[in-house]
């Protein structure tokens, strides 16, 4: 089978998570500088079979677009241009960063480790992906 990849795109950093080949378990893959995300993905897709990509869709509490929406929309267009054969699914990413930070606290990471914003982004992408997998199974 093939993998599903999730992207938590941000202005500076992009968290990336991926499933196993059976699409059962979501795991953090890495965090990359956002300006290198497309080149990282080109390299990754040349090595791994990815069936679909989830990209976080930032929204306000009332469901309207957030201030970072134009930046992420630009990335989505660039992604589709570079990888037209890979389906993109937009996923609501509200609360994923807060959930990621809470996960870090709950897992006992020290304060210094919790300040690693790259790790927060990677965990947020993993939460996006695990939530998608859970909903898919229902």
C-alpha atoms as a PDB file:
ATOM      1  CA  UNK A   1       0.000   0.000   0.000  1.00  0.00           C
ATOM      2  CA  UNK A   2       0.942   3.622   0.133  1.00  0.00           C
ATOM      3  CA  UNK A   3       1.256   6.252   2.812  1.00  0.00           C
ATOM      4  CA  UNK A   4      -0.770   9.336   3.704  1.00  0.00           C
ATOM      5  CA  UNK A   5       1.251  12.426   4.541  1.00  0.00           C
ATOM      6  CA  UNK A   6       0.087  15.425   6.603  1.00  0.00           C
ATOM      7  CA  UNK A   7       1.517  18.929   6.402  1.00  0.00           C
ATOM      8  CA  UNK A   8       1.188  21.638   9.041  1.00  0.00           C
ATOM      9  CA  UNK A   9       2.478  24.537   6.957  1.00  0.00           C
ATOM     10  CA  UNK A  10       3.616  27.686   8.721  1.00  0.00           C
ATOM     11  CA  UNK A  11       5.352  30.917   7.840  1.00  0.00           C
ATOM     12  CA  UNK A  12       8.732  29.733   9.178  1.00  0.00           C
ATOM     13  CA  UNK A  13       8.424  25.995   9.768  1.00  0.00           C
ATOM     14  CA  UNK A  14       6.441  23.108   8.349  1.00  0.00           C
ATOM     15  CA  UNK A  15       5.641  20.044  10.410  1.00  0.00           C
ATOM     16  CA  UNK A  16       5.277  16.792   8.486  1.00  0.00           C
ATOM     17  CA  UNK A  17       3.753  13.492   9.611  1.00  0.00           C
ATOM     18  CA  UNK A  18       3.199  10.248   7.742  1.00  0.00           C
ATOM     19  CA  UNK A  19       1.359   6.965   8.122  1.00  0.00           C
ATOM     20  CA  UNK A  20       2.772   3.505   7.891  1.00  0.00           C
ATOM     21  CA  UNK A  21       2.127   1.703   4.588  1.00  0.00           C
ATOM     22  CA  UNK A  22      -1.085   0.146   5.952  1.00  0.00           C
ATOM     23  CA  UNK A  23      -2.359   3.647   6.805  1.00  0.00           C
ATOM     24  CA  UNK A  24      -3.037   2.709  10.424  1.00  0.00           C
ATOM     25  CA  UNK A  25      -0.499   4.633  12.511  1.00  0.00           C
ATOM     26  CA  UNK A  26       0.435   8.308  12.230  1.00  0.00           C
ATOM     27  CA  UNK A  27       3.999   9.262  13.149  1.00  0.00           C
ATOM     28  CA  UNK A  28       5.893  12.507  13.088  1.00  0.00           C
ATOM     29  CA  UNK A  29       8.372  12.601  10.219  1.00  0.00           C
ATOM     30  CA  UNK A  30      10.205  15.913  10.561  1.00  0.00           C
ATOM     31  CA  UNK A  31      10.019  19.672  10.598  1.00  0.00           C
ATOM     32  CA  UNK A  32      11.549  21.630   7.736  1.00  0.00           C
ATOM     33  CA  UNK A  33      11.992  25.292   6.974  1.00  0.00           C
ATOM     34  CA  UNK A  34       8.885  26.324   5.037  1.00  0.00           C
ATOM     35  CA  UNK A  35      10.914  27.721   2.158  1.00  0.00           C
ATOM     36  CA  UNK A  36      12.426  24.249   1.629  1.00  0.00           C
ATOM     37  CA  UNK A  37       9.196  22.239   2.014  1.00  0.00           C
ATOM     38  CA  UNK A  38       8.624  21.609  -1.712  1.00  0.00           C
ATOM     39  CA  UNK A  39      12.196  20.431  -2.291  1.00  0.00           C
ATOM     40  CA  UNK A  40      11.985  18.177   0.794  1.00  0.00           C
ATOM     41  CA  UNK A  41       8.720  16.703  -0.519  1.00  0.00           C
ATOM     42  CA  UNK A  42      10.190  16.107  -4.000  1.00  0.00           C
ATOM     43  CA  UNK A  43      12.948  14.066  -2.419  1.00  0.00           C
ATOM     44  CA  UNK A  44      10.556  12.212  -0.094  1.00  0.00           C
ATOM     45  CA  UNK A  45       8.061  11.380  -2.862  1.00  0.00           C
ATOM     46  CA  UNK A  46      10.895  10.004  -5.012  1.00  0.00           C
ATOM     47  CA  UNK A  47      11.570   7.426  -2.268  1.00  0.00           C
ATOM     48  CA  UNK A  48       8.109   6.705  -0.838  1.00  0.00           C
ATOM     49  CA  UNK A  49       4.711   5.931  -2.333  1.00  0.00           C
ATOM     50  CA  UNK A  50       2.253   8.550  -1.038  1.00  0.00           C
ATOM     51  CA  UNK A  51      -1.436   8.159  -1.923  1.00  0.00           C
ATOM     52  CA  UNK A  52      -2.679  11.485  -0.588  1.00  0.00           C
ATOM     53  CA  UNK A  53      -1.578  14.569   1.292  1.00  0.00           C
ATOM     54  CA  UNK A  54      -3.473  16.380   4.025  1.00  0.00           C
ATOM     55  CA  UNK A  55      -2.772  20.081   4.383  1.00  0.00           C
ATOM     56  CA  UNK A  56      -3.969  21.973   7.415  1.00  0.00           C
ATOM     57  CA  UNK A  57      -6.564  24.664   6.856  1.00  0.00           C
ATOM     58  CA  UNK A  58      -6.350  27.424   9.478  1.00  0.00           C
ATOM     59  CA  UNK A  59      -9.649  28.814  10.685  1.00  0.00           C
ATOM     60  CA  UNK A  60     -10.840  31.231  13.336  1.00  0.00           C
ATOM     61  CA  UNK A  61     -13.133  29.996  16.095  1.00  0.00           C
ATOM     62  CA  UNK A  62     -16.170  31.142  14.077  1.00  0.00           C
ATOM     63  CA  UNK A  63     -15.061  29.101  11.045  1.00  0.00           C
ATOM     64  CA  UNK A  64     -13.782  32.019   8.963  1.00  0.00           C
ATOM     65  CA  UNK A  65     -10.321  32.060   7.411  1.00  0.00           C
ATOM     66  CA  UNK A  66      -7.414  33.053   9.645  1.00  0.00           C
ATOM     67  CA  UNK A  67      -4.776  35.662   8.859  1.00  0.00           C
ATOM     68  CA  UNK A  68      -2.353  32.947   7.707  1.00  0.00           C
ATOM     69  CA  UNK A  69      -4.790  31.557   5.115  1.00  0.00           C
ATOM     70  CA  UNK A  70      -3.290  33.443   2.104  1.00  0.00           C
ATOM     71  CA  UNK A  71       0.188  32.073   2.885  1.00  0.00           C
ATOM     72  CA  UNK A  72      -1.099  28.512   3.120  1.00  0.00           C
ATOM     73  CA  UNK A  73      -3.247  28.889  -0.012  1.00  0.00           C
ATOM     74  CA  UNK A  74      -0.108  29.959  -1.900  1.00  0.00           C
ATOM     75  CA  UNK A  75       1.657  26.825  -0.650  1.00  0.00           C
ATOM     76  CA  UNK A  76      -1.293  24.619  -1.684  1.00  0.00           C
ATOM     77  CA  UNK A  77      -1.165  26.068  -5.228  1.00  0.00           C
ATOM     78  CA  UNK A  78       2.589  25.460  -5.380  1.00  0.00           C
ATOM     79  CA  UNK A  79       2.086  21.909  -4.098  1.00  0.00           C
ATOM     80  CA  UNK A  80      -0.598  21.118  -6.694  1.00  0.00           C
ATOM     81  CA  UNK A  81       1.592  22.561  -9.453  1.00  0.00           C
ATOM     82  CA  UNK A  82       4.568  20.428  -8.422  1.00  0.00           C
ATOM     83  CA  UNK A  83       2.637  17.252  -7.575  1.00  0.00           C
ATOM     84  CA  UNK A  84      -0.537  17.194  -9.707  1.00  0.00           C
ATOM     85  CA  UNK A  85      -0.867  13.405  -9.363  1.00  0.00           C
ATOM     86  CA  UNK A  86      -1.185  13.495  -5.556  1.00  0.00           C
ATOM     87  CA  UNK A  87      -4.668  14.294  -4.199  1.00  0.00           C
ATOM     88  CA  UNK A  88      -4.805  17.040  -1.567  1.00  0.00           C
ATOM     89  CA  UNK A  89      -7.303  16.989   1.291  1.00  0.00           C
ATOM     90  CA  UNK A  90      -7.709  20.165   3.341  1.00  0.00           C
ATOM     91  CA  UNK A  91      -8.179  19.511   7.052  1.00  0.00           C
ATOM     92  CA  UNK A  92      -9.311  21.886   9.804  1.00  0.00           C
ATOM     93  CA  UNK A  93      -6.263  22.534  11.953  1.00  0.00           C
ATOM     94  CA  UNK A  94      -7.866  24.495  14.783  1.00  0.00           C
ATOM     95  CA  UNK A  95      -6.356  23.640  18.163  1.00  0.00           C
ATOM     96  CA  UNK A  96      -3.685  21.277  16.788  1.00  0.00           C
ATOM     97  CA  UNK A  97      -0.789  23.423  18.041  1.00  0.00           C
ATOM     98  CA  UNK A  98      -2.354  23.724  21.488  1.00  0.00           C
ATOM     99  CA  UNK A  99      -3.028  19.992  21.536  1.00  0.00           C
ATOM    100  CA  UNK A 100       0.566  19.350  20.461  1.00  0.00           C
ATOM    101  CA  UNK A 101       1.921  21.504  23.281  1.00  0.00           C
ATOM    102  CA  UNK A 102      -0.341  19.745  25.791  1.00  0.00           C
ATOM    103  CA  UNK A 103       0.856  16.390  24.454  1.00  0.00           C
ATOM    104  CA  UNK A 104       4.422  17.486  25.124  1.00  0.00           C
ATOM    105  CA  UNK A 105       3.513  18.384  28.724  1.00  0.00           C
ATOM    106  CA  UNK A 106       1.590  15.144  29.233  1.00  0.00           C
ATOM    107  CA  UNK A 107       4.498  13.078  27.935  1.00  0.00           C
ATOM    108  CA  UNK A 108       6.825  14.630  30.506  1.00  0.00           C
ATOM    109  CA  UNK A 109       9.044  16.713  28.252  1.00  0.00           C
ATOM    110  CA  UNK A 110      11.092  19.270  30.143  1.00  0.00           C
ATOM    111  CA  UNK A 111      10.431  22.987  29.664  1.00  0.00           C
ATOM    112  CA  UNK A 112      13.513  23.383  27.448  1.00  0.00           C
ATOM    113  CA  UNK A 113      12.275  20.589  25.143  1.00  0.00           C
ATOM    114  CA  UNK A 114       8.770  22.106  25.005  1.00  0.00           C
ATOM    115  CA  UNK A 115      10.266  25.335  23.663  1.00  0.00           C
ATOM    116  CA  UNK A 116      11.258  23.503  20.464  1.00  0.00           C
ATOM    117  CA  UNK A 117       8.685  24.997  18.087  1.00  0.00           C
ATOM    118  CA  UNK A 118       9.712  22.588  15.345  1.00  0.00           C
ATOM    119  CA  UNK A 119       8.681  19.678  17.539  1.00  0.00           C
ATOM    120  CA  UNK A 120       5.330  21.372  18.198  1.00  0.00           C
ATOM    121  CA  UNK A 121       4.766  21.656  14.422  1.00  0.00           C
ATOM    122  CA  UNK A 122       5.674  18.001  13.847  1.00  0.00           C
ATOM    123  CA  UNK A 123       3.351  16.842  16.624  1.00  0.00           C
ATOM    124  CA  UNK A 124       0.571  19.109  15.274  1.00  0.00           C
ATOM    125  CA  UNK A 125       0.921  17.432  11.849  1.00  0.00           C
ATOM    126  CA  UNK A 126       0.748  14.038  13.564  1.00  0.00           C
ATOM    127  CA  UNK A 127      -2.444  15.054  15.384  1.00  0.00           C
ATOM    128  CA  UNK A 128      -3.972  16.221  12.066  1.00  0.00           C
ATOM    129  CA  UNK A 129      -3.134  12.891  10.494  1.00  0.00           C
ATOM    130  CA  UNK A 130      -4.286  10.716  13.398  1.00  0.00           C
ATOM    131  CA  UNK A 131      -7.576  12.623  13.577  1.00  0.00           C
ATOM    132  CA  UNK A 132      -8.084  12.043   9.835  1.00  0.00           C
ATOM    133  CA  UNK A 133      -7.351   8.322  10.208  1.00  0.00           C
ATOM    134  CA  UNK A 134      -9.774   8.041  13.109  1.00  0.00           C
ATOM    135  CA  UNK A 135     -12.558   9.763  11.174  1.00  0.00           C
ATOM    136  CA  UNK A 136     -11.869   7.603   8.110  1.00  0.00           C
ATOM    137  CA  UNK A 137     -12.429   4.441  10.139  1.00  0.00           C
ATOM    138  CA  UNK A 138     -15.781   5.571  11.540  1.00  0.00           C
END
